[in-house]
Amino acid sequence: MITKRIIPCLDVRDGRVVKGVNFEGLRDISSPVELAKFYSMCGADELVFYDITASSDGRKIFTDILRETASKVFIPLTVGGGINTVEDFDRVLKCGADKVSVNSGAIKDPSLICKAAKLYGDQCVVLSVDVKRVDGKFTVFAKGGRENTGIEAITWIKNCVNNGAGEVVVNSIDTDGVKGGFDLEMLNEVCNAVSVPVIASGGAGKIEDFITLFKEIPNVDAGLAASIFHFVEVKIADLKEEMAKANIPVRSLV
């Protein structure tokens, strides 16, 4: 049985890791380099690095801090933020990323996923989708959750996977930073719509939230979280121990 992955997320702004609630009210946490080193050593299965203002600022990702962060990581690293062209994919991969996450760039140019998949392989292309309920419908947001695209999320995700996205990160804006649990309704719809790995993001507040996620939606491949790991509200070692007790397949820390 495939093990479930635990993935800390570094939301980076101006070279520092930050965190907010519902994508707003960001506050400074730490250096991405130091946090990446810490997570690489304490049992995280993968790591995600998002330059969260690159798209909204209309700039490219900060490659210097990314290169330094990647040098400290010995687990798979996914990087996103300001990815608008295949050249951006190439630049980020050369900085040490294993996979590249695209969100706003794919909305602006839906052919980007297909072009990147042909060049680097489906396994390298991660679709990151910021989703919020609008009038009862799952709706895609762009530019770090600032812009309502009006696009229906489930159809968008299916189309992107058909075009070559090899993995999907579903970021629930409704539950982000609230710590009330993952958005199970949304995640269930996504898992029923696609056959590629799905990563749940937004809402984790305690160990039990991960247990519920993997028990309720067995097809979810990974749980992603930020603040509960950053502030050591949940230790990855403790989380994995409880997952194992609950008969959820997990990679050993040893």
C-alpha atoms as a PDB file:
ATOM      1  CA  MET A   1       0.000   0.000   0.000  1.00  0.00           C
ATOM      2  CA  ILE A   2       1.289   3.482  -0.880  1.00  0.00           C
ATOM      3  CA  THR A   3       2.381   5.465   2.151  1.00  0.00           C
ATOM      4  CA  LYS A   4       0.680   8.763   2.934  1.00  0.00           C
ATOM      5  CA  ARG A   5       2.958  11.775   2.744  1.00  0.00           C
ATOM      6  CA  ILE A   6       3.296  14.586   5.277  1.00  0.00           C
ATOM      7  CA  ILE A   7       4.384  17.830   3.654  1.00  0.00           C
ATOM      8  CA  PRO A   8       5.278  21.088   5.429  1.00  0.00           C
ATOM      9  CA  CYS A   9       4.742  24.229   3.360  1.00  0.00           C
ATOM     10  CA  LEU A  10       6.967  27.294   3.335  1.00  0.00           C
ATOM     11  CA  ASP A  11       4.989  30.364   2.241  1.00  0.00           C
ATOM     12  CA  VAL A  12       7.756  32.830   1.433  1.00  0.00           C
ATOM     13  CA  ARG A  13       7.442  36.598   1.083  1.00  0.00           C
ATOM     14  CA  ASP A  14      10.486  38.851   0.660  1.00  0.00           C
ATOM     15  CA  GLY A  15      12.762  35.984   1.604  1.00  0.00           C
ATOM     16  CA  ARG A  16      10.962  35.108   4.861  1.00  0.00           C
ATOM     17  CA  VAL A  17       8.438  32.420   5.753  1.00  0.00           C
ATOM     18  CA  VAL A  18       5.049  33.929   6.646  1.00  0.00           C
ATOM     19  CA  LYS A  19       1.602  32.617   7.587  1.00  0.00           C
ATOM     20  CA  GLY A  20      -1.889  34.052   7.779  1.00  0.00           C
ATOM     21  CA  VAL A  21      -5.560  33.081   7.935  1.00  0.00           C
ATOM     22  CA  ASN A  22      -7.704  32.671   4.804  1.00  0.00           C
ATOM     23  CA  PHE A  23      -4.652  33.885   2.820  1.00  0.00           C
ATOM     24  CA  GLU A  24      -4.669  37.231   4.706  1.00  0.00           C
ATOM     25  CA  GLY A  25      -3.019  38.851   7.750  1.00  0.00           C
ATOM     26  CA  LEU A  26       0.448  37.449   7.060  1.00  0.00           C
ATOM     27  CA  ARG A  27       3.031  37.442   9.852  1.00  0.00           C
ATOM     28  CA  ASP A  28       6.733  36.662   9.840  1.00  0.00           C
ATOM     29  CA  ILE A  29       7.791  33.183  10.983  1.00  0.00           C
ATOM     30  CA  SER A  30      11.394  32.335  10.131  1.00  0.00           C
ATOM     31  CA  SER A  31      14.070  31.867   7.496  1.00  0.00           C
ATOM     32  CA  PRO A  32      13.081  29.388   4.755  1.00  0.00           C
ATOM     33  CA  VAL A  33      16.635  28.063   4.734  1.00  0.00           C
ATOM     34  CA  GLU A  34      16.588  27.171   8.426  1.00  0.00           C
ATOM     35  CA  LEU A  35      13.068  25.754   8.330  1.00  0.00           C
ATOM     36  CA  ALA A  36      13.833  23.660   5.257  1.00  0.00           C
ATOM     37  CA  LYS A  37      16.880  22.198   6.975  1.00  0.00           C
ATOM     38  CA  PHE A  38      14.810  21.430  10.073  1.00  0.00           C
ATOM     39  CA  TYR A  39      12.012  19.685   8.187  1.00  0.00           C
ATOM     40  CA  SER A  40      14.430  17.707   6.048  1.00  0.00           C
ATOM     41  CA  MET A  41      15.933  16.263   9.224  1.00  0.00           C
ATOM     42  CA  CYS A  42      12.782  15.646  11.295  1.00  0.00           C
ATOM     43  CA  GLY A  43      10.806  13.249   9.119  1.00  0.00           C
ATOM     44  CA  ALA A  44       8.943  15.319   6.523  1.00  0.00           C
ATOM     45  CA  ASP A  45       8.339  13.325   3.340  1.00  0.00           C
ATOM     46  CA  GLU A  46       8.496  16.311   1.012  1.00  0.00           C
ATOM     47  CA  LEU A  47       8.659  20.081   1.215  1.00  0.00           C
ATOM     48  CA  VAL A  48       6.793  22.817  -0.646  1.00  0.00           C
ATOM     49  CA  PHE A  49       8.260  26.297  -1.207  1.00  0.00           C
ATOM     50  CA  TYR A  50       5.820  28.975  -2.425  1.00  0.00           C
ATOM     51  CA  ASP A  51       6.955  32.497  -3.267  1.00  0.00           C
ATOM     52  CA  ILE A  52       3.454  33.734  -2.460  1.00  0.00           C
ATOM     53  CA  THR A  53       3.687  37.261  -3.873  1.00  0.00           C
ATOM     54  CA  ALA A  54       5.611  36.548  -7.085  1.00  0.00           C
ATOM     55  CA  SER A  55       2.454  36.302  -9.202  1.00  0.00           C
ATOM     56  CA  SER A  56       0.632  39.254  -7.646  1.00  0.00           C
ATOM     57  CA  ASP A  57       3.803  41.382  -7.870  1.00  0.00           C
ATOM     58  CA  GLY A  58       4.306  40.351 -11.490  1.00  0.00           C
ATOM     59  CA  ARG A  59       7.876  39.175 -10.905  1.00  0.00           C
ATOM     60  CA  LYS A  60       9.914  36.004 -11.067  1.00  0.00           C
ATOM     61  CA  ILE A  61      10.670  33.847  -8.049  1.00  0.00           C
ATOM     62  CA  PHE A  62      13.656  34.785  -5.865  1.00  0.00           C
ATOM     63  CA  THR A  63      16.246  32.299  -7.121  1.00  0.00           C
ATOM     64  CA  ASP A  64      18.985  33.152  -4.598  1.00  0.00           C
ATOM     65  CA  ILE A  65      16.967  32.200  -1.522  1.00  0.00           C
ATOM     66  CA  LEU A  66      15.517  29.209  -3.380  1.00  0.00           C
ATOM     67  CA  ARG A  67      18.951  27.906  -4.345  1.00  0.00           C
ATOM     68  CA  GLU A  68      20.160  28.222  -0.755  1.00  0.00           C
ATOM     69  CA  THR A  69      17.029  26.514   0.573  1.00  0.00           C
ATOM     70  CA  ALA A  70      17.309  23.644  -1.905  1.00  0.00           C
ATOM     71  CA  SER A  71      20.901  23.041  -0.846  1.00  0.00           C
ATOM     72  CA  LYS A  72      19.698  22.198   2.676  1.00  0.00           C
ATOM     73  CA  VAL A  73      16.939  19.794   1.626  1.00  0.00           C
ATOM     74  CA  PHE A  74      17.399  16.049   1.150  1.00  0.00           C
ATOM     75  CA  ILE A  75      13.737  15.253   0.457  1.00  0.00           C
ATOM     76  CA  PRO A  76      11.694  16.075  -2.682  1.00  0.00           C
ATOM     77  CA  LEU A  77      11.172  19.835  -3.066  1.00  0.00           C
ATOM     78  CA  THR A  78       8.243  21.409  -4.918  1.00  0.00           C
ATOM     79  CA  VAL A  79       8.548  25.084  -5.818  1.00  0.00           C
ATOM     80  CA  GLY A  80       5.935  27.559  -7.017  1.00  0.00           C
ATOM     81  CA  GLY A  81       5.270  31.253  -7.420  1.00  0.00           C
ATOM     82  CA  GLY A  82       5.504  33.376 -10.560  1.00  0.00           C
ATOM     83  CA  ILE A  83       5.697  30.340 -12.866  1.00  0.00           C
ATOM     84  CA  ASN A  84       4.411  31.656 -16.191  1.00  0.00           C
ATOM     85  CA  THR A  85       6.589  30.040 -18.888  1.00  0.00           C
ATOM     86  CA  VAL A  86       8.557  26.864 -19.556  1.00  0.00           C
ATOM     87  CA  GLU A  87      11.651  29.003 -19.032  1.00  0.00           C
ATOM     88  CA  ASP A  88      10.454  29.580 -15.463  1.00  0.00           C
ATOM     89  CA  PHE A  89      10.197  25.799 -15.033  1.00  0.00           C
ATOM     90  CA  ASP A  90      13.752  25.421 -16.296  1.00  0.00           C
ATOM     91  CA  ARG A  91      15.122  28.151 -14.022  1.00  0.00           C
ATOM     92  CA  VAL A  92      13.482  26.747 -10.882  1.00  0.00           C
ATOM     93  CA  LEU A  93      14.571  23.181 -11.646  1.00  0.00           C
ATOM     94  CA  LYS A  94      18.141  24.376 -12.119  1.00  0.00           C
ATOM     95  CA  CYS A  95      17.943  25.969  -8.652  1.00  0.00           C
ATOM     96  CA  GLY A  96      17.336  22.540  -7.123  1.00  0.00           C
ATOM     97  CA  ALA A  97      13.591  21.946  -7.284  1.00  0.00           C
ATOM     98  CA  ASP A  98      12.347  18.424  -8.000  1.00  0.00           C
ATOM     99  CA  LYS A  99       8.849  19.508  -9.036  1.00  0.00           C
ATOM    100  CA  VAL A 100       7.349  22.811 -10.139  1.00  0.00           C
ATOM    101  CA  SER A 101       3.989  24.073  -8.991  1.00  0.00           C
ATOM    102  CA  VAL A 102       1.912  26.256 -11.286  1.00  0.00           C
ATOM    103  CA  ASN A 103      -1.296  28.131 -10.515  1.00  0.00           C
ATOM    104  CA  SER A 104      -1.864  31.644 -11.897  1.00  0.00           C
ATOM    105  CA  GLY A 105       0.473  30.972 -14.829  1.00  0.00           C
ATOM    106  CA  ALA A 106      -1.721  28.097 -16.025  1.00  0.00           C
ATOM    107  CA  ILE A 107      -4.824  30.241 -15.706  1.00  0.00           C
ATOM    108  CA  LYS A 108      -3.239  32.887 -17.933  1.00  0.00           C
ATOM    109  CA  ASP A 109      -1.911  30.287 -20.383  1.00  0.00           C
ATOM    110  CA  PRO A 110      -3.647  26.871 -20.128  1.00  0.00           C
ATOM    111  CA  SER A 111      -1.165  25.429 -22.652  1.00  0.00           C
ATOM    112  CA  LEU A 112       1.679  25.915 -20.150  1.00  0.00           C
ATOM    113  CA  ILE A 113       0.967  22.619 -18.379  1.00  0.00           C
ATOM    114  CA  CYS A 114       1.002  20.635 -21.601  1.00  0.00           C
ATOM    115  CA  LYS A 115       4.235  22.271 -22.808  1.00  0.00           C
ATOM    116  CA  ALA A 116       5.988  21.744 -19.466  1.00  0.00           C
ATOM    117  CA  ALA A 117       4.835  18.125 -19.210  1.00  0.00           C
ATOM    118  CA  LYS A 118       6.229  17.354 -22.658  1.00  0.00           C
ATOM    119  CA  LEU A 119       9.586  18.901 -21.753  1.00  0.00           C
ATOM    120  CA  TYR A 120      10.034  17.680 -18.186  1.00  0.00           C
ATOM    121  CA  GLY A 121       7.495  14.880 -17.709  1.00  0.00           C
ATOM    122  CA  ASP A 122       4.123  14.759 -15.969  1.00  0.00           C
ATOM    123  CA  GLN A 123       5.748  13.888 -12.651  1.00  0.00           C
ATOM    124  CA  CYS A 124       7.450  17.286 -12.604  1.00  0.00           C
ATOM    125  CA  VAL A 125       4.300  19.357 -13.145  1.00  0.00           C
ATOM    126  CA  VAL A 126       2.194  20.097 -10.073  1.00  0.00           C
ATOM    127  CA  LEU A 127      -1.102  21.934 -10.417  1.00  0.00           C
ATOM    128  CA  SER A 128      -1.730  24.101  -7.365  1.00  0.00           C
ATOM    129  CA  VAL A 129      -5.327  25.292  -7.108  1.00  0.00           C
ATOM    130  CA  ASP A 130      -6.592  27.917  -4.664  1.00  0.00           C
ATOM    131  CA  VAL A 131     -10.294  27.192  -4.257  1.00  0.00           C
ATOM    132  CA  LYS A 132     -13.061  29.053  -2.440  1.00  0.00           C
ATOM    133  CA  ARG A 133     -16.808  28.596  -2.344  1.00  0.00           C
ATOM    134  CA  VAL A 134     -18.590  31.365  -4.227  1.00  0.00           C
ATOM    135  CA  ASP A 135     -22.389  31.179  -4.279  1.00  0.00           C
ATOM    136  CA  GLY A 136     -22.104  27.530  -3.311  1.00  0.00           C
ATOM    137  CA  LYS A 137     -19.720  26.629  -6.138  1.00  0.00           C
ATOM    138  CA  PHE A 138     -16.042  25.639  -5.885  1.00  0.00           C
ATOM    139  CA  THR A 139     -14.291  28.513  -7.644  1.00  0.00           C
ATOM    140  CA  VAL A 140     -10.643  28.960  -8.684  1.00  0.00           C
ATOM    141  CA  PHE A 141      -8.782  32.007  -7.384  1.00  0.00           C
ATOM    142  CA  ALA A 142      -5.519  33.406  -8.769  1.00  0.00           C
ATOM    143  CA  LYS A 143      -2.661  35.627  -7.569  1.00  0.00           C
ATOM    144  CA  GLY A 144      -2.355  34.092  -4.124  1.00  0.00           C
ATOM    145  CA  GLY A 145      -6.087  33.961  -3.543  1.00  0.00           C
ATOM    146  CA  ARG A 146      -6.609  37.628  -4.364  1.00  0.00           C
ATOM    147  CA  GLU A 147      -8.422  37.317  -7.689  1.00  0.00           C
ATOM    148  CA  ASN A 148     -11.668  35.459  -8.403  1.00  0.00           C
ATOM    149  CA  THR A 149     -11.312  33.894 -11.850  1.00  0.00           C
ATOM    150  CA  GLY A 150     -14.899  32.685 -12.040  1.00  0.00           C
ATOM    151  CA  ILE A 151     -13.606  29.266 -13.165  1.00  0.00           C
ATOM    152  CA  GLU A 152     -15.378  26.196 -11.768  1.00  0.00           C
ATOM    153  CA  ALA A 153     -12.695  24.298  -9.870  1.00  0.00           C
ATOM    154  CA  ILE A 154     -13.456  20.621 -10.485  1.00  0.00           C
ATOM    155  CA  THR A 155     -13.705  21.014 -14.263  1.00  0.00           C
ATOM    156  CA  TRP A 156     -10.521  23.109 -14.260  1.00  0.00           C
ATOM    157  CA  ILE A 157      -8.608  20.471 -12.311  1.00  0.00           C
ATOM    158  CA  LYS A 158      -9.789  17.673 -14.620  1.00  0.00           C
ATOM    159  CA  ASN A 159      -8.740  19.634 -17.710  1.00  0.00           C
ATOM    160  CA  CYS A 160      -5.297  20.396 -16.284  1.00  0.00           C
ATOM    161  CA  VAL A 161      -4.701  16.744 -15.383  1.00  0.00           C
ATOM    162  CA  ASN A 162      -5.761  15.722 -18.880  1.00  0.00           C
ATOM    163  CA  ASN A 163      -3.197  18.206 -20.217  1.00  0.00           C
ATOM    164  CA  GLY A 164      -0.345  16.676 -18.221  1.00  0.00           C
ATOM    165  CA  ALA A 165      -0.409  17.782 -14.579  1.00  0.00           C
ATOM    166  CA  GLY A 166       0.937  14.807 -12.635  1.00  0.00           C
ATOM    167  CA  GLU A 167      -0.142  15.931  -9.187  1.00  0.00           C
ATOM    168  CA  VAL A 168      -2.704  18.326  -7.701  1.00  0.00           C
ATOM    169  CA  VAL A 169      -2.415  20.442  -4.561  1.00  0.00           C
ATOM    170  CA  VAL A 170      -5.871  21.569  -3.452  1.00  0.00           C
ATOM    171  CA  ASN A 171      -5.631  24.699  -1.304  1.00  0.00           C
ATOM    172  CA  SER A 172      -8.920  25.485   0.449  1.00  0.00           C
ATOM    173  CA  ILE A 173      -9.106  29.228   1.067  1.00  0.00           C
ATOM    174  CA  ASP A 174     -12.187  28.664   3.243  1.00  0.00           C
ATOM    175  CA  THR A 175     -10.253  26.533   5.737  1.00  0.00           C
ATOM    176  CA  ASP A 176      -6.746  28.029   5.362  1.00  0.00           C
ATOM    177  CA  GLY A 177      -5.215  28.823   8.742  1.00  0.00           C
ATOM    178  CA  VAL A 178      -8.501  28.249  10.565  1.00  0.00           C
ATOM    179  CA  LYS A 179      -7.278  24.948  12.058  1.00  0.00           C
ATOM    180  CA  GLY A 180     -10.725  23.376  11.999  1.00  0.00           C
ATOM    181  CA  GLY A 181      -9.817  20.443   9.787  1.00  0.00           C
ATOM    182  CA  PHE A 182      -9.334  19.827   6.078  1.00  0.00           C
ATOM    183  CA  ASP A 183     -12.054  20.623   3.549  1.00  0.00           C
ATOM    184  CA  LEU A 184     -13.257  17.035   3.144  1.00  0.00           C
ATOM    185  CA  GLU A 185     -16.164  17.868   0.834  1.00  0.00           C
ATOM    186  CA  MET A 186     -13.931  19.656  -1.644  1.00  0.00           C
ATOM    187  CA  LEU A 187     -11.193  17.033  -1.476  1.00  0.00           C
ATOM    188  CA  ASN A 188     -13.627  14.193  -2.015  1.00  0.00           C
ATOM    189  CA  GLU A 189     -14.903  15.809  -5.210  1.00  0.00           C
ATOM    190  CA  VAL A 190     -11.380  16.313  -6.520  1.00  0.00           C
ATOM    191  CA  CYS A 191     -10.325  12.730  -5.724  1.00  0.00           C
ATOM    192  CA  ASN A 192     -13.388  11.422  -7.522  1.00  0.00           C
ATOM    193  CA  ALA A 193     -12.571  13.536 -10.576  1.00  0.00           C
ATOM    194  CA  VAL A 194      -8.895  12.651 -11.176  1.00  0.00           C
ATOM    195  CA  SER A 195      -6.585   9.655 -10.892  1.00  0.00           C
ATOM    196  CA  VAL A 196      -3.301  11.489 -10.159  1.00  0.00           C
ATOM    197  CA  PRO A 197      -2.026  12.086  -6.600  1.00  0.00           C
ATOM    198  CA  VAL A 198      -4.014  14.694  -4.659  1.00  0.00           C
ATOM    199  CA  ILE A 199      -2.489  16.713  -1.815  1.00  0.00           C
ATOM    200  CA  ALA A 200      -4.809  18.257   0.779  1.00  0.00           C
ATOM    201  CA  SER A 201      -3.922  21.761   1.931  1.00  0.00           C
ATOM    202  CA  GLY A 202      -5.625  24.159   4.308  1.00  0.00           C
ATOM    203  CA  GLY A 203      -7.239  23.594   7.681  1.00  0.00           C
ATOM    204  CA  ALA A 204      -5.033  21.231   9.691  1.00  0.00           C
ATOM    205  CA  GLY A 205      -5.046  22.146  13.367  1.00  0.00           C
ATOM    206  CA  LYS A 206      -4.175  18.933  15.172  1.00  0.00           C
ATOM    207  CA  ILE A 207      -3.041  15.353  14.625  1.00  0.00           C
ATOM    208  CA  GLU A 208      -6.626  14.089  14.505  1.00  0.00           C
ATOM    209  CA  ASP A 209      -7.306  16.238  11.427  1.00  0.00           C
ATOM    210  CA  PHE A 210      -4.781  14.179   9.451  1.00  0.00           C
ATOM    211  CA  ILE A 211      -6.198  10.909  10.786  1.00  0.00           C
ATOM    212  CA  THR A 212      -9.686  11.999   9.739  1.00  0.00           C
ATOM    213  CA  LEU A 213      -8.432  13.098   6.319  1.00  0.00           C
ATOM    214  CA  PHE A 214      -6.805   9.776   5.458  1.00  0.00           C
ATOM    215  CA  LYS A 215      -9.583   7.673   6.978  1.00  0.00           C
ATOM    216  CA  GLU A 216     -12.450   9.593   5.372  1.00  0.00           C
ATOM    217  CA  ILE A 217     -10.795  10.032   1.965  1.00  0.00           C
ATOM    218  CA  PRO A 218      -8.435   7.082   1.392  1.00  0.00           C
ATOM    219  CA  ASN A 219      -7.561   8.320  -2.108  1.00  0.00           C
ATOM    220  CA  VAL A 220      -5.882  11.476  -0.794  1.00  0.00           C
ATOM    221  CA  ASP A 221      -2.134  10.962  -1.111  1.00  0.00           C
ATOM    222  CA  ALA A 222      -0.764  13.605   1.241  1.00  0.00           C
ATOM    223  CA  GLY A 223      -1.549  16.218   3.854  1.00  0.00           C
ATOM    224  CA  LEU A 224       0.115  19.601   3.646  1.00  0.00           C
ATOM    225  CA  ALA A 225       0.271  22.117   6.493  1.00  0.00           C
ATOM    226  CA  ALA A 226       2.237  25.153   7.580  1.00  0.00           C
ATOM    227  CA  SER A 227       1.615  26.920  10.896  1.00  0.00           C
ATOM    228  CA  ILE A 228       1.017  23.836  13.042  1.00  0.00           C
ATOM    229  CA  PHE A 229       4.457  22.578  12.032  1.00  0.00           C
ATOM    230  CA  HIS A 230       6.152  26.007  12.111  1.00  0.00           C
ATOM    231  CA  PHE A 231       4.958  26.693  15.672  1.00  0.00           C
ATOM    232  CA  VAL A 232       5.557  23.054  16.720  1.00  0.00           C
ATOM    233  CA  GLU A 233       1.891  22.617  17.641  1.00  0.00           C
ATOM    234  CA  VAL A 234       2.268  19.245  15.943  1.00  0.00           C
ATOM    235  CA  LYS A 235       5.558  17.383  15.670  1.00  0.00           C
ATOM    236  CA  ILE A 236       5.928  15.312  12.511  1.00  0.00           C
ATOM    237  CA  ALA A 237       7.332  12.381  14.500  1.00  0.00           C
ATOM    238  CA  ASP A 238       4.272  12.385  16.782  1.00  0.00           C
ATOM    239  CA  LEU A 239       1.930  12.692  13.820  1.00  0.00           C
ATOM    240  CA  LYS A 240       3.479   9.736  12.030  1.00  0.00           C
ATOM    241  CA  GLU A 241       3.385   7.646  15.200  1.00  0.00           C
ATOM    242  CA  GLU A 242      -0.362   8.272  15.567  1.00  0.00           C
ATOM    243  CA  MET A 243      -0.950   7.570  11.873  1.00  0.00           C
ATOM    244  CA  ALA A 244       0.795   4.214  12.220  1.00  0.00           C
ATOM    245  CA  LYS A 245      -1.339   3.391  15.277  1.00  0.00           C
ATOM    246  CA  ALA A 246      -4.417   4.173  13.161  1.00  0.00           C
ATOM    247  CA  ASN A 247      -3.197   1.735  10.490  1.00  0.00           C
ATOM    248  CA  ILE A 248      -2.501   4.513   8.003  1.00  0.00           C
ATOM    249  CA  PRO A 249       0.559   3.603   5.893  1.00  0.00           C
ATOM    250  CA  VAL A 250       3.356   6.048   6.620  1.00  0.00           C
ATOM    251  CA  ARG A 251       7.079   6.272   5.927  1.00  0.00           C
ATOM    252  CA  SER A 252       9.165   5.382   8.961  1.00  0.00           C
ATOM    253  CA  LEU A 253      11.373   8.054  10.519  1.00  0.00           C
ATOM    254  CA  VAL A 254      14.208   5.527  10.905  1.00  0.00           C
END
